Protein backbone atom coordinates (compact mmCIF):
# COMPACT_ATOMS: atom_id res chain seq x y z
CA MET A 1 -37.55 -205.88 -83.68
CA ASN A 2 -38.30 -208.26 -81.43
CA PHE A 3 -35.07 -210.37 -79.86
CA ARG A 4 -37.02 -212.53 -77.94
CA PHE A 5 -35.08 -216.17 -77.87
CA PRO A 6 -34.94 -219.34 -75.85
CA ALA A 7 -31.87 -218.82 -73.85
CA ALA A 8 -30.05 -221.91 -76.13
CA VAL A 9 -30.01 -219.28 -78.81
CA TRP A 10 -28.37 -217.18 -76.43
CA ALA A 11 -25.78 -218.61 -75.66
CA THR A 12 -24.69 -219.54 -78.87
CA ALA A 13 -24.62 -216.70 -79.82
CA PHE A 14 -22.30 -215.57 -76.90
CA ALA A 15 -19.36 -218.53 -78.20
CA THR A 16 -20.23 -216.89 -81.68
CA PHE A 17 -18.99 -213.54 -80.56
CA VAL A 18 -16.36 -214.85 -79.01
CA ALA A 19 -15.42 -217.22 -81.62
CA PHE A 20 -15.05 -214.80 -84.57
CA MET A 21 -12.95 -212.80 -81.73
CA GLY A 22 -10.32 -215.12 -83.04
CA ILE A 23 -10.12 -214.07 -86.25
CA GLY A 24 -8.87 -210.39 -85.61
CA VAL A 25 -7.52 -210.85 -82.52
CA VAL A 26 -3.83 -210.70 -84.03
CA ASP A 27 -4.76 -207.64 -86.45
CA PRO A 28 -2.72 -204.90 -84.18
CA ILE A 29 -0.17 -207.15 -82.87
CA LEU A 30 1.12 -208.66 -86.78
CA PRO A 31 3.85 -205.58 -86.43
CA LEU A 32 4.53 -206.59 -83.14
CA ILE A 33 4.81 -210.63 -84.21
CA GLY A 34 7.19 -209.77 -87.15
CA GLN A 35 9.35 -207.50 -85.19
CA LYS A 36 9.80 -210.21 -82.31
CA MET A 37 10.12 -213.20 -84.68
CA GLY A 38 12.00 -211.33 -87.31
CA ALA A 39 9.08 -213.08 -89.71
CA THR A 40 8.60 -211.28 -93.49
CA PRO A 41 4.92 -210.19 -94.22
CA ALA A 42 4.41 -212.84 -96.39
CA GLN A 43 5.48 -215.59 -92.87
CA ILE A 44 3.20 -213.13 -91.32
CA GLU A 45 0.24 -213.73 -93.45
CA TRP A 46 0.62 -217.38 -92.95
CA LEU A 47 -0.86 -217.22 -89.49
CA PHE A 48 -4.07 -216.15 -91.13
CA THR A 49 -3.80 -218.56 -94.19
CA SER A 50 -3.81 -221.22 -92.42
CA TYR A 51 -6.48 -220.72 -90.67
CA ILE A 52 -8.47 -220.02 -93.12
CA ALA A 53 -7.58 -222.64 -95.16
CA ILE A 54 -7.77 -225.53 -92.76
CA MET A 55 -11.29 -224.04 -91.83
CA ALA A 56 -12.17 -224.20 -95.55
CA ILE A 57 -10.94 -227.78 -96.07
CA ALA A 58 -12.87 -228.69 -92.85
CA MET A 59 -16.13 -226.85 -93.90
CA LEU A 60 -16.31 -230.50 -96.15
CA ILE A 61 -17.03 -232.11 -92.69
CA SER A 62 -18.10 -230.31 -90.61
CA GLY A 63 -21.81 -230.47 -91.63
CA VAL A 64 -21.57 -233.82 -92.59
CA VAL A 65 -20.42 -234.24 -88.30
CA GLY A 66 -22.68 -232.13 -87.62
CA THR A 67 -25.80 -234.35 -88.82
CA ARG A 68 -23.77 -237.59 -87.27
CA LEU A 69 -22.73 -236.53 -83.68
CA GLY A 70 -25.75 -233.52 -83.27
CA SER A 71 -25.27 -229.49 -83.28
CA LYS A 72 -23.85 -229.27 -79.45
CA LYS A 73 -21.85 -231.85 -79.48
CA THR A 74 -20.02 -230.61 -82.87
CA MET A 75 -19.68 -227.32 -81.06
CA LEU A 76 -18.46 -228.00 -77.88
CA LEU A 77 -15.99 -230.23 -80.06
CA GLY A 78 -14.82 -226.98 -82.47
CA LEU A 79 -14.79 -224.67 -79.10
CA GLY A 80 -13.07 -227.44 -77.30
CA LEU A 81 -10.20 -227.39 -80.12
CA VAL A 82 -10.05 -223.82 -80.23
CA VAL A 83 -9.08 -223.46 -76.56
CA ILE A 84 -6.36 -226.14 -76.93
CA PHE A 85 -4.47 -224.52 -80.34
CA ALA A 86 -5.04 -220.59 -79.15
CA THR A 87 -3.48 -221.46 -75.71
CA ALA A 88 -0.66 -222.93 -77.81
CA SER A 89 -0.35 -220.63 -80.02
CA GLY A 90 0.38 -218.78 -77.17
CA LEU A 91 3.25 -220.91 -76.08
CA SER A 92 4.79 -220.73 -80.02
CA PRO A 93 8.16 -220.61 -80.27
CA SER A 94 8.54 -220.06 -84.04
CA ILE A 95 6.65 -218.59 -86.34
CA GLY A 96 6.61 -221.15 -88.58
CA MET A 97 4.60 -223.41 -85.23
CA LEU A 98 2.89 -220.88 -84.66
CA ALA A 99 1.27 -221.24 -87.98
CA VAL A 100 0.63 -224.87 -87.63
CA PHE A 101 -1.46 -224.22 -84.11
CA ARG A 102 -3.30 -221.23 -85.88
CA GLY A 103 -4.38 -223.92 -88.23
CA GLY A 104 -5.27 -226.35 -85.44
CA TRP A 105 -7.47 -223.49 -84.14
CA GLY A 106 -9.01 -222.69 -88.07
CA LEU A 107 -9.90 -226.47 -88.02
CA GLY A 108 -11.72 -226.06 -85.00
CA ASN A 109 -13.53 -222.97 -85.73
CA ALA A 110 -15.20 -224.55 -88.73
CA PHE A 111 -16.63 -227.03 -86.31
CA PHE A 112 -18.03 -224.35 -84.94
CA THR A 113 -19.23 -222.09 -86.97
CA SER A 114 -20.94 -224.69 -89.54
CA THR A 115 -23.05 -225.37 -87.20
CA ALA A 116 -23.75 -222.20 -85.26
CA LEU A 117 -25.62 -220.79 -87.43
CA SER A 118 -27.62 -223.80 -88.25
CA LEU A 119 -28.56 -224.27 -84.37
CA ILE A 120 -29.59 -220.67 -84.26
CA VAL A 121 -32.40 -220.37 -86.79
CA GLY A 122 -33.08 -224.45 -85.70
CA LEU A 123 -34.27 -223.02 -82.07
CA SER A 124 -35.83 -219.38 -82.99
CA ALA A 125 -39.30 -220.97 -84.01
CA GLY A 126 -39.09 -219.85 -87.91
CA ARG A 127 -38.28 -216.71 -86.97
CA THR A 128 -35.54 -216.98 -90.17
CA SER A 129 -34.71 -213.24 -90.34
CA MET A 130 -34.03 -212.22 -86.55
CA ALA A 131 -32.02 -215.24 -86.18
CA ILE A 132 -29.76 -214.49 -89.17
CA THR A 133 -29.82 -210.68 -87.85
CA LEU A 134 -28.90 -212.46 -84.00
CA TYR A 135 -26.05 -214.25 -85.71
CA GLU A 136 -25.19 -211.78 -88.34
CA ALA A 137 -24.80 -209.29 -84.84
CA ALA A 138 -22.94 -211.60 -82.72
CA LEU A 139 -20.06 -211.70 -85.57
CA GLY A 140 -19.94 -208.42 -86.23
CA LEU A 141 -19.21 -207.71 -82.54
CA GLY A 142 -16.91 -210.52 -82.56
CA ILE A 143 -14.66 -209.31 -84.53
CA ALA A 144 -15.01 -205.88 -83.60
CA SER A 145 -13.53 -206.92 -80.08
CA GLY A 146 -11.29 -209.31 -81.32
CA PRO A 147 -8.98 -206.44 -82.69
CA LEU A 148 -9.61 -204.04 -78.93
CA LEU A 149 -8.86 -207.43 -77.19
CA GLY A 150 -5.68 -208.19 -78.89
CA GLY A 151 -4.14 -204.50 -78.76
CA PHE A 152 -5.12 -203.86 -75.31
CA LEU A 153 -2.82 -207.22 -74.48
CA GLY A 154 -0.68 -207.02 -77.38
CA SER A 155 0.34 -204.04 -75.72
CA ALA A 156 1.99 -205.91 -73.15
CA SER A 157 3.06 -209.09 -74.94
CA TRP A 158 2.10 -210.53 -78.31
CA ARG A 159 1.37 -213.79 -76.60
CA TYR A 160 -1.47 -212.41 -73.75
CA PRO A 161 -4.09 -212.01 -76.93
CA PHE A 162 -4.08 -215.58 -77.46
CA PHE A 163 -4.31 -216.73 -74.26
CA GLY A 164 -7.23 -213.55 -73.05
CA THR A 165 -8.61 -215.84 -76.35
CA ALA A 166 -8.15 -219.15 -74.87
CA THR A 167 -9.39 -218.30 -71.90
CA LEU A 168 -12.86 -216.58 -73.44
CA MET A 169 -13.67 -219.50 -75.71
CA ALA A 170 -13.28 -222.24 -72.12
CA VAL A 171 -16.27 -219.85 -71.15
CA GLY A 172 -18.04 -220.43 -74.59
CA PHE A 173 -17.70 -224.00 -73.66
CA LEU A 174 -19.20 -223.68 -70.61
CA PHE A 175 -21.77 -221.34 -71.64
CA THR A 176 -22.40 -224.48 -74.48
CA LEU A 177 -22.60 -227.42 -72.58
CA THR A 178 -24.98 -225.82 -69.30
CA SER A 179 -27.35 -223.55 -71.46
CA VAL A 180 -27.64 -225.07 -75.61
CA VAL A 181 -30.33 -227.92 -76.34
CA GLU A 182 -30.66 -229.68 -80.02
CA PRO A 183 -33.35 -228.55 -82.43
CA PRO A 184 -36.93 -229.88 -81.91
CA GLN A 185 -36.02 -231.43 -85.59
CA ARG A 186 -32.48 -233.22 -85.97
CA GLU A 187 -31.50 -233.57 -89.80
CA LYS A 188 -30.49 -237.33 -91.05
CA PRO A 189 -27.07 -238.43 -91.02
CA ARG A 190 -25.64 -237.06 -94.21
CA THR A 191 -22.22 -237.91 -95.85
CA ALA A 192 -19.32 -235.39 -97.71
CA ARG A 193 -20.82 -236.39 -100.83
CA ASP A 194 -23.95 -234.74 -99.91
CA ILE A 195 -21.87 -231.56 -99.85
CA PHE A 196 -20.03 -231.86 -102.92
CA HIS A 197 -24.10 -232.49 -104.47
CA ALA A 198 -24.83 -228.99 -102.85
CA LEU A 199 -22.19 -227.60 -104.58
CA GLY A 200 -23.73 -228.69 -107.73
CA HIS A 201 -26.86 -226.18 -107.36
CA ARG A 202 -26.57 -223.68 -109.46
CA THR A 203 -27.24 -221.54 -107.65
CA VAL A 204 -25.37 -222.32 -103.38
CA LEU A 205 -22.35 -222.47 -106.41
CA THR A 206 -22.93 -218.79 -108.35
CA ASN A 207 -23.58 -217.83 -104.25
CA ALA A 208 -20.10 -218.98 -103.13
CA LEU A 209 -18.41 -218.18 -106.20
CA ILE A 210 -19.33 -214.83 -105.87
CA GLY A 211 -18.83 -214.82 -101.57
CA MET A 212 -15.12 -215.97 -102.86
CA SER A 213 -14.82 -213.09 -104.18
CA TYR A 214 -15.53 -210.89 -101.98
CA SER A 215 -13.77 -212.79 -99.19
CA TYR A 216 -10.68 -212.20 -100.83
CA ALA A 217 -11.34 -208.78 -100.37
CA PHE A 218 -12.22 -208.81 -97.40
CA PHE A 219 -9.07 -210.58 -95.46
CA THR A 220 -7.14 -207.89 -97.59
CA ILE A 221 -8.78 -205.49 -95.55
CA LEU A 222 -8.19 -207.78 -92.08
CA ALA A 223 -5.51 -209.93 -92.20
CA TYR A 224 -3.36 -207.75 -94.59
CA SER A 225 -3.58 -204.01 -94.46
CA PRO A 226 -2.41 -203.47 -90.48
CA LEU A 227 1.20 -204.81 -92.53
CA THR A 228 1.37 -201.15 -94.36
CA LEU A 229 0.77 -199.77 -91.25
CA PRO A 230 4.13 -200.89 -89.04
CA HIS A 231 4.61 -197.69 -87.40
CA ILE A 232 1.89 -197.00 -85.41
CA SER A 233 1.54 -199.00 -81.99
CA ALA A 234 -0.77 -202.07 -81.69
CA MET A 235 -3.31 -200.09 -79.00
CA THR A 236 -3.97 -197.56 -81.72
CA LEU A 237 -4.42 -200.15 -84.35
CA GLY A 238 -6.62 -202.65 -81.96
CA LEU A 239 -9.16 -198.70 -82.01
CA VAL A 240 -8.91 -198.54 -85.79
CA TYR A 241 -10.20 -202.67 -86.40
CA PHE A 242 -12.36 -202.16 -83.42
CA ALA A 243 -14.18 -199.30 -85.33
CA TRP A 244 -14.35 -200.74 -88.31
CA GLY A 245 -15.95 -204.32 -86.48
CA ILE A 246 -18.64 -201.99 -85.35
CA LEU A 247 -19.17 -200.75 -88.60
CA VAL A 248 -19.45 -204.50 -90.12
CA ALA A 249 -22.26 -204.79 -86.73
CA PHE A 250 -24.42 -201.98 -87.49
CA ALA A 251 -24.50 -202.74 -91.10
CA SER A 252 -24.77 -206.13 -90.92
CA VAL A 253 -27.90 -205.82 -88.35
CA PHE A 254 -29.18 -202.48 -89.22
CA LEU A 255 -28.94 -201.23 -92.06
CA VAL A 256 -29.29 -203.91 -94.33
CA ASN A 257 -32.59 -203.83 -93.24
CA VAL A 258 -33.15 -200.51 -93.74
CA LEU A 259 -31.83 -200.65 -97.43
CA THR A 260 -33.55 -204.31 -98.55
CA ARG A 261 -36.90 -202.46 -98.12
CA ARG A 262 -36.12 -200.47 -100.60
CA ILE A 263 -33.75 -202.26 -102.99
CA HIS A 264 -33.38 -205.64 -104.04
CA PRO A 265 -30.78 -207.95 -101.97
CA VAL A 266 -29.56 -209.02 -105.20
CA THR A 267 -29.54 -205.52 -106.27
CA LEU A 268 -28.16 -204.15 -103.00
CA LEU A 269 -25.50 -206.57 -103.38
CA THR A 270 -23.98 -205.98 -106.46
CA LEU A 271 -24.01 -202.00 -106.06
CA ASN A 272 -22.26 -202.87 -102.49
CA LEU A 273 -19.58 -204.60 -104.18
CA ALA A 274 -19.36 -202.20 -106.36
CA GLY A 275 -18.57 -199.24 -104.38
CA LEU A 276 -16.07 -201.66 -102.03
CA VAL A 277 -14.37 -201.84 -105.62
CA ILE A 278 -13.86 -198.06 -105.65
CA LEU A 279 -12.86 -198.61 -102.07
CA MET A 280 -10.00 -200.81 -102.90
CA GLY A 281 -8.50 -199.04 -105.59
CA LEU A 282 -8.59 -195.86 -103.40
CA ALA A 283 -6.83 -197.73 -100.24
CA GLY A 284 -3.86 -198.70 -102.89
CA LEU A 285 -3.39 -194.55 -104.08
CA ALA A 286 -3.72 -193.43 -99.87
CA ASN A 287 -0.85 -192.36 -97.54
CA PRO A 288 -1.37 -194.42 -94.34
CA GLN A 289 -3.97 -191.32 -92.41
CA GLU A 290 -6.29 -191.68 -95.03
CA LEU A 291 -5.67 -195.41 -95.22
CA LEU A 292 -6.79 -195.77 -91.48
CA PHE A 293 -9.86 -193.92 -91.91
CA LEU A 294 -10.84 -195.94 -95.48
CA ILE A 295 -10.01 -199.20 -93.63
CA VAL A 296 -12.84 -197.90 -91.07
CA ALA A 297 -15.15 -197.15 -94.11
CA SER A 298 -15.10 -200.35 -95.52
CA GLY A 299 -16.81 -201.83 -92.21
CA LEU A 300 -20.14 -200.76 -93.99
CA PHE A 301 -19.56 -202.44 -96.96
CA CYS A 302 -18.13 -205.28 -95.35
CA GLY A 303 -20.89 -205.39 -93.15
CA ILE A 304 -23.79 -205.42 -95.70
CA SER A 305 -22.39 -207.72 -97.66
CA ASN A 306 -22.05 -210.78 -95.03
CA ALA A 307 -25.13 -210.27 -94.24
CA LEU A 308 -26.55 -210.70 -97.69
CA PHE A 309 -24.23 -213.86 -98.44
CA THR A 310 -25.42 -215.07 -95.37
CA THR A 311 -29.35 -215.53 -96.30
CA LEU A 312 -28.30 -216.13 -100.07
CA ALA A 313 -26.45 -219.15 -98.53
CA MET A 314 -29.17 -220.30 -96.37
CA GLU A 315 -32.00 -219.60 -98.66
CA VAL A 316 -31.40 -220.07 -102.44
CA SER A 317 -31.34 -223.91 -101.92
CA THR A 318 -33.38 -227.13 -101.30
CA PHE A 319 -30.87 -228.37 -99.53
CA PRO A 320 -30.88 -228.91 -95.48
CA ARG A 321 -28.55 -225.37 -94.23
CA SER A 322 -26.26 -227.13 -92.46
CA LEU A 323 -24.90 -228.89 -95.97
CA ALA A 324 -25.98 -225.50 -97.75
CA SER A 325 -23.58 -223.27 -95.30
CA GLY A 326 -21.09 -225.93 -95.74
CA ALA A 327 -20.72 -225.71 -99.32
CA TYR A 328 -20.98 -222.04 -98.79
CA ASN A 329 -18.55 -221.76 -96.61
CA PHE A 330 -16.08 -224.10 -98.29
CA LEU A 331 -15.99 -221.82 -101.50
CA ARG A 332 -16.00 -219.36 -99.41
CA TRP A 333 -13.58 -219.62 -96.67
CA SER A 334 -11.45 -220.35 -99.73
CA GLY A 335 -11.04 -217.23 -101.32
CA ALA A 336 -9.96 -215.35 -97.77
CA ALA A 337 -7.44 -217.97 -97.49
CA ILE A 338 -5.77 -217.16 -100.49
CA ALA A 339 -5.79 -213.53 -99.21
CA PRO A 340 -3.31 -213.02 -96.87
CA ALA A 341 -0.24 -215.20 -98.58
CA LEU A 342 -0.60 -213.86 -101.87
CA SER A 343 -1.22 -210.28 -100.84
CA GLY A 344 1.93 -210.70 -98.27
CA TRP A 345 4.14 -211.95 -101.31
CA ILE A 346 2.75 -209.23 -103.80
CA GLY A 347 3.27 -206.69 -100.91
CA GLN A 348 6.51 -207.92 -100.38
CA THR A 349 8.31 -208.30 -103.63
CA ILE A 350 6.36 -205.75 -105.70
CA GLY A 351 4.83 -203.04 -103.62
CA MET A 352 3.16 -202.96 -100.39
CA THR A 353 0.09 -200.59 -102.12
CA VAL A 354 -0.52 -203.74 -104.89
CA PRO A 355 -2.77 -206.45 -103.03
CA PHE A 356 -5.51 -203.65 -102.76
CA PHE A 357 -5.61 -202.99 -106.90
CA ILE A 358 -5.57 -206.87 -106.77
CA ALA A 359 -8.37 -207.22 -104.49
CA GLY A 360 -10.41 -204.42 -105.69
CA ALA A 361 -10.11 -206.61 -109.25
CA VAL A 362 -10.89 -210.02 -107.69
CA VAL A 363 -14.08 -208.04 -106.47
CA LEU A 364 -14.96 -206.51 -109.79
CA LEU A 365 -14.80 -210.32 -111.35
CA GLY A 366 -17.66 -210.96 -108.52
CA VAL A 367 -19.75 -207.87 -109.76
CA GLY A 368 -19.26 -209.03 -113.33
CA ALA A 369 -20.39 -212.44 -112.10
CA LEU A 370 -23.82 -211.03 -110.54
CA LEU A 371 -24.78 -208.55 -113.65
CA VAL A 372 -24.65 -211.82 -115.45
CA GLN A 373 -26.17 -214.96 -113.10
CA GLY A 374 -28.16 -212.49 -110.63
CA GLY A 375 -31.33 -213.44 -112.32
CA ILE A 376 -31.00 -217.22 -110.36
CA LEU A 377 -30.12 -215.51 -107.24
CA ARG A 378 -33.83 -213.61 -108.11
CA THR A 379 -35.42 -216.47 -109.06
CA ALA A 380 -34.83 -218.66 -106.37
CA LEU A 381 -35.48 -215.68 -103.27
CA ARG A 382 -38.85 -215.63 -104.84
CA GLN A 383 -39.75 -219.19 -104.76
CA ASN A 384 -38.49 -219.56 -101.11
CA PRO A 385 -41.08 -217.89 -98.29
CA GLU A 386 -38.81 -217.42 -96.10
CA ARG A 387 -36.26 -215.29 -98.48
CA LEU A 388 -35.04 -212.33 -97.10
CA ALA A 389 -37.08 -209.77 -98.78
CA VAL A 390 -40.11 -211.01 -96.87
CA ASP A 391 -38.81 -211.76 -93.61
CA ILE A 392 -37.07 -208.32 -93.06
CA HIS A 393 -40.13 -206.85 -94.08
CA SER A 394 -42.40 -208.35 -92.02
CA VAL A 395 -40.54 -207.68 -89.18
């Protein structure tokens, strides 16, 4: 694989790495925040739900903003908002204010993430597969490093991970400001109506709805499972989720390339989600030691799913990538937003292991949808000369 890209692409990838650190940085400190602020599991999970819900809603307009302001300005807007709200999160006096500031953080992340992928692809001279691989590598490593940073800094104070992330995002802001340029071909201005028009496209809607079911399970693992391990230190949890994130990155960058040489992407996605259903069922039956192993192992399933869903979102429609990405991410992150709050409430009122079974059932719905509707995704990939299977096989 040839990863020679312009400096602007690498700067965007670095900013992507730092941005996704912010998603998992609170993972190892969730039990600690609960102890320090006297918060219930349901209240703690709003730190994720507010973040993701605002991000999902903002996805409806972020792609539109990107076509009007330009990719670079939109990325800088997103990075700047994250610096402000990550700093405010570290200064929060209560769990309620912390949830509000996390929502502002999600707003900034929406502007950034909706633009970063299309910018990386646009600046990569038609090397779509390699550009997506680079994006997924940055995303996976960012998600992996966030818990490690959170565990290390959280061992001293639960506030420090937020300040640490704000500092890194400020560095990403400077890298973007000095290195990123607009793609040679800028998309014409769009409206919010265009986003809904993209959602009306059958392949986009099918992929997004199935992605929503997967994202529910993803954030049950990432956002809820730490609460089932209250007696494990922040540093140990940080290492566990770091290992999980490394497998996410490995699977999304390398393993998926090997597997798609032998298995059609839609078939692979179906089998992978079926495996995740089984894993979630095992997580519901596991003791704490077994759960730690299952959390790490789930990284392989998550990495494969992330790469395949991202590529399908970019390649199965004729819409501009910013609109296709915004439409897909709106529904995908909607599923992710529901998972933390609902899992926290169910765990608190019914049983701490029950949310794993529910997540497995939600993914099972996605598997059923793939079995019924997978044909239209296969057709869309055959019709698109830049589809994942062709790109990967030609590397």
